[in-house]
Amino acid sequence: MNSTNPWAADKEHLQEILQRDEFHSLQGEGQNWLEKVIDSLLDWLSRLFSWSDIPAGAATTTSTMVLLVGGLLLFVVIFRLFRRMMWEQKRTASLFVHGENIRAQADYLREAEACAARGEWRESERFLFVALLVYMQKQSWIRMEQWKTNWEYAAEIAANHPEAEGLFRRFAQAFEQAWYGQVAVDPADLQERIRELARILDREGQA
């Protein structure tokens, strides 16, 4: 190794890292497109560091820039992989059953009460939250869409009827913890929120 050329040391170090088993564990059949992107990026970096020696005067600056760009690209790929995993998790635990027709808020509230009476707390949380969404759509505070996130609903409510934002966030948090986070439901809190929504619907004459 040329001890006067810092670029050569960087090359050897990165090539050693790229040869480790963990960087080849994603190869083989069944790779998704993100895994292939990661493989391609690592191959590109490996080829890049196999170039002939760059003059010593430019080595430090060039190697630093390449490592920064490579690190940024890896971060973007990993971030997108994480986003995709989260989306798949939420898709498989969708708020709505595929092909489900939206019913009246009172119907969903009754389903929530019936599930709670049977001790089906998680399903009860789902029906209660859908009842709230249907009610808020009827008030023209939101427009229900299967692809929307609760943060998007919260933004709509904040713009159209900010007084209801706190109510929505409480119900949404309880639903997300039970439905996506697998957090145990507090039956007493659930029953209180069922009664709270029932009072709201009664007051609006929509129960």
Protein backbone atom coordinates (compact mmCIF):
# COMPACT_ATOMS: atom_id res chain seq x y z
CA MET A 1 0.00 0.00 0.00
CA ASN A 2 1.22 3.50 -0.80
CA SER A 3 1.53 5.12 2.64
CA THR A 4 1.65 8.60 1.09
CA ASN A 5 -1.74 8.22 -0.50
CA PRO A 6 -4.71 8.40 1.95
CA TRP A 7 -7.06 7.39 -0.87
CA ALA A 8 -5.51 3.93 -0.96
CA ALA A 9 -6.24 3.41 2.75
CA ASP A 10 -9.86 4.47 2.23
CA LYS A 11 -10.18 2.04 -0.67
CA GLU A 12 -8.87 -0.88 1.27
CA HIS A 13 -11.06 -0.12 4.30
CA LEU A 14 -14.28 0.17 2.28
CA GLN A 15 -13.49 -2.92 0.20
CA GLU A 16 -12.97 -4.87 3.41
CA ILE A 17 -16.37 -3.71 4.71
CA LEU A 18 -18.11 -4.52 1.44
CA GLN A 19 -16.79 -8.09 1.55
CA ARG A 20 -18.43 -8.85 4.90
CA ASP A 21 -21.28 -11.38 4.97
CA GLU A 22 -23.95 -8.94 6.07
CA PHE A 23 -23.65 -6.97 2.83
CA HIS A 24 -24.35 -10.12 0.80
CA SER A 25 -27.21 -11.53 2.91
CA LEU A 26 -29.86 -9.80 0.77
CA GLN A 27 -28.74 -11.54 -2.43
CA GLY A 28 -30.64 -14.44 -3.95
CA GLU A 29 -34.20 -15.19 -4.88
CA GLY A 30 -37.13 -13.32 -3.43
CA GLN A 31 -35.44 -9.92 -3.29
CA ASN A 32 -37.79 -7.00 -3.50
CA TRP A 33 -36.92 -3.90 -5.48
CA LEU A 34 -35.50 -2.05 -2.48
CA GLU A 35 -33.08 -4.87 -1.73
CA LYS A 36 -31.92 -4.76 -5.35
CA VAL A 37 -31.37 -1.02 -5.09
CA ILE A 38 -29.22 -1.54 -1.99
CA ASP A 39 -27.20 -4.22 -3.81
CA SER A 40 -26.71 -1.96 -6.81
CA LEU A 41 -25.59 0.92 -4.60
CA LEU A 42 -23.06 -1.22 -2.77
CA ASP A 43 -21.74 -2.60 -6.07
CA TRP A 44 -21.38 0.95 -7.38
CA LEU A 45 -19.42 2.02 -4.31
CA SER A 46 -17.23 -1.07 -4.60
CA ARG A 47 -16.44 -0.34 -8.24
CA LEU A 48 -15.85 3.31 -7.43
CA PHE A 49 -13.21 2.42 -4.89
CA SER A 50 -11.57 0.04 -7.36
CA TRP A 51 -10.52 2.91 -9.63
CA SER A 52 -6.86 3.55 -10.19
CA ASP A 53 -5.19 5.73 -7.58
CA ILE A 54 -6.19 9.36 -7.57
CA PRO A 55 -3.36 11.83 -7.07
CA ALA A 56 -2.57 12.34 -3.40
CA GLY A 57 -3.47 16.02 -3.49
CA ALA A 58 -7.10 15.25 -4.36
CA ALA A 59 -7.50 12.04 -2.37
CA THR A 60 -8.81 13.39 0.93
CA THR A 61 -11.40 15.73 -0.57
CA THR A 62 -12.59 13.22 -3.15
CA SER A 63 -12.88 10.31 -0.73
CA THR A 64 -14.79 12.47 1.75
CA MET A 65 -17.26 13.60 -0.91
CA VAL A 66 -17.79 10.05 -2.18
CA LEU A 67 -18.37 8.72 1.33
CA LEU A 68 -20.83 11.52 2.09
CA VAL A 69 -22.78 10.92 -1.12
CA GLY A 70 -22.74 7.16 -0.58
CA GLY A 71 -23.89 7.55 3.01
CA LEU A 72 -26.70 9.88 1.95
CA LEU A 73 -27.89 7.43 -0.70
CA LEU A 74 -27.85 4.57 1.79
CA PHE A 75 -29.85 6.68 4.25
CA VAL A 76 -32.48 7.45 1.59
CA VAL A 77 -32.79 3.79 0.63
CA ILE A 78 -33.09 2.65 4.26
CA PHE A 79 -35.65 5.39 4.98
CA ARG A 80 -37.76 4.33 2.00
CA LEU A 81 -37.51 0.70 3.06
CA PHE A 82 -38.76 1.66 6.53
CA ARG A 83 -41.63 3.68 5.05
CA ARG A 84 -42.59 0.75 2.85
CA MET A 85 -42.57 -1.66 5.80
CA MET A 86 -44.78 0.68 7.84
CA TRP A 87 -47.18 1.10 4.93
CA GLU A 88 -47.44 -2.67 4.47
CA GLN A 89 -48.15 -3.10 8.17
CA LYS A 90 -50.94 -0.54 8.07
CA ARG A 91 -52.35 -1.94 4.82
CA THR A 92 -52.70 -5.40 6.34
CA ALA A 93 -54.44 -3.89 9.38
CA SER A 94 -56.66 -1.51 7.46
CA LEU A 95 -59.33 0.52 9.22
CA PHE A 96 -61.90 -0.67 6.68
CA VAL A 97 -62.52 -4.21 5.53
CA HIS A 98 -61.95 -4.53 1.78
CA GLY A 99 -65.18 -3.66 -0.04
CA GLU A 100 -66.92 -2.49 3.13
CA ASN A 101 -69.76 -0.04 2.56
CA ILE A 102 -69.81 2.95 4.85
CA ARG A 103 -72.81 2.84 7.17
CA ALA A 104 -74.41 5.37 9.49
CA GLN A 105 -72.53 6.51 12.58
CA ALA A 106 -75.27 5.08 14.83
CA ASP A 107 -74.73 1.63 13.27
CA TYR A 108 -71.02 1.74 14.03
CA LEU A 109 -71.69 2.99 17.56
CA ARG A 110 -74.02 0.02 18.19
CA GLU A 111 -71.33 -2.32 16.86
CA ALA A 112 -68.83 -0.74 19.25
CA GLU A 113 -71.21 -1.25 22.17
CA ALA A 114 -71.90 -4.86 21.19
CA CYS A 115 -68.19 -5.71 20.82
CA ALA A 116 -67.41 -4.09 24.16
CA ALA A 117 -70.17 -6.15 25.81
CA ARG A 118 -68.49 -9.31 24.44
CA GLY A 119 -65.06 -8.19 25.58
CA GLU A 120 -63.83 -7.65 22.02
CA TRP A 121 -62.04 -4.44 22.93
CA ARG A 122 -59.90 -4.03 19.84
CA GLU A 123 -62.84 -4.41 17.45
CA SER A 124 -64.87 -2.09 19.64
CA GLU A 125 -62.17 0.59 19.29
CA ARG A 126 -62.32 0.22 15.52
CA PHE A 127 -66.10 0.60 15.31
CA LEU A 128 -66.06 3.54 17.71
CA PHE A 129 -63.42 5.36 15.70
CA VAL A 130 -65.25 4.76 12.41
CA ALA A 131 -68.45 6.06 14.04
CA LEU A 132 -66.59 9.26 14.92
CA LEU A 133 -65.21 9.61 11.38
CA VAL A 134 -68.64 9.13 9.81
CA TYR A 135 -70.11 11.70 12.19
CA MET A 136 -67.38 14.22 11.36
CA GLN A 137 -67.84 13.66 7.65
CA LYS A 138 -71.57 14.30 8.03
CA GLN A 139 -70.66 17.57 9.72
CA SER A 140 -68.45 18.40 6.68
CA TRP A 141 -65.36 18.60 8.89
CA ILE A 142 -63.54 15.86 6.98
CA ARG A 143 -63.85 13.86 3.78
CA MET A 144 -63.33 10.16 4.45
CA GLU A 145 -60.87 8.33 2.18
CA GLN A 146 -59.30 4.92 2.82
CA TRP A 147 -55.83 6.19 1.92
CA LYS A 148 -55.86 9.14 4.35
CA THR A 149 -53.85 9.11 7.57
CA ASN A 150 -55.19 10.31 10.89
CA TRP A 151 -52.78 13.26 10.71
CA GLU A 152 -54.45 14.32 7.46
CA TYR A 153 -57.87 14.07 9.11
CA ALA A 154 -56.57 16.11 12.05
CA ALA A 155 -55.37 18.81 9.64
CA GLU A 156 -58.80 18.93 7.96
CA ILE A 157 -60.55 19.24 11.32
CA ALA A 158 -58.15 21.97 12.44
CA ALA A 159 -59.03 23.92 9.29
CA ASN A 160 -62.79 23.29 9.27
CA HIS A 161 -63.79 22.95 12.93
CA PRO A 162 -60.83 23.34 15.31
CA GLU A 163 -63.05 22.92 18.38
CA ALA A 164 -63.35 19.19 17.53
CA GLU A 165 -59.62 18.58 17.06
CA GLY A 166 -59.03 17.55 20.68
CA LEU A 167 -61.91 15.07 20.56
CA PHE A 168 -60.59 13.55 17.35
CA ARG A 169 -57.02 13.24 18.62
CA ARG A 170 -58.13 11.43 21.80
CA PHE A 171 -60.19 8.91 19.87
CA ALA A 172 -57.52 8.53 17.16
CA GLN A 173 -54.75 7.91 19.69
CA ALA A 174 -56.76 5.21 21.47
CA PHE A 175 -57.62 3.56 18.15
CA GLU A 176 -54.05 3.62 16.82
CA GLN A 177 -52.63 2.16 20.01
CA ALA A 178 -55.13 -0.70 19.96
CA TRP A 179 -55.28 -1.34 16.20
CA TYR A 180 -51.72 -0.69 15.02
CA GLY A 181 -49.68 -0.63 18.21
CA GLN A 182 -51.25 -3.74 19.78
CA VAL A 183 -51.57 -1.88 23.09
CA ALA A 184 -54.05 -3.37 25.57
CA VAL A 185 -57.32 -1.45 25.64
CA ASP A 186 -58.47 0.13 28.90
CA PRO A 187 -62.12 -1.08 29.09
CA ALA A 188 -63.19 1.73 31.42
CA ASP A 189 -61.74 4.39 29.12
CA LEU A 190 -63.31 2.73 26.09
CA GLN A 191 -66.74 2.61 27.72
CA GLU A 192 -66.46 6.29 28.68
CA ARG A 193 -65.63 7.26 25.09
CA ILE A 194 -68.55 5.18 23.82
CA ARG A 195 -70.87 7.10 26.17
CA GLU A 196 -69.24 10.39 25.16
CA LEU A 197 -69.87 9.82 21.47
CA ALA A 198 -73.40 8.59 22.20
CA ARG A 199 -74.10 11.87 24.02
CA ILE A 200 -72.74 13.86 21.07
CA LEU A 201 -74.92 11.96 18.60
CA ASP A 202 -77.97 12.33 20.87
CA ARG A 203 -77.35 16.06 21.15
CA GLU A 204 -77.14 16.32 17.36
CA GLY A 205 -80.21 14.12 16.94
CA GLN A 206 -78.22 11.65 14.86
CA ALA A 207 -78.17 8.54 17.06
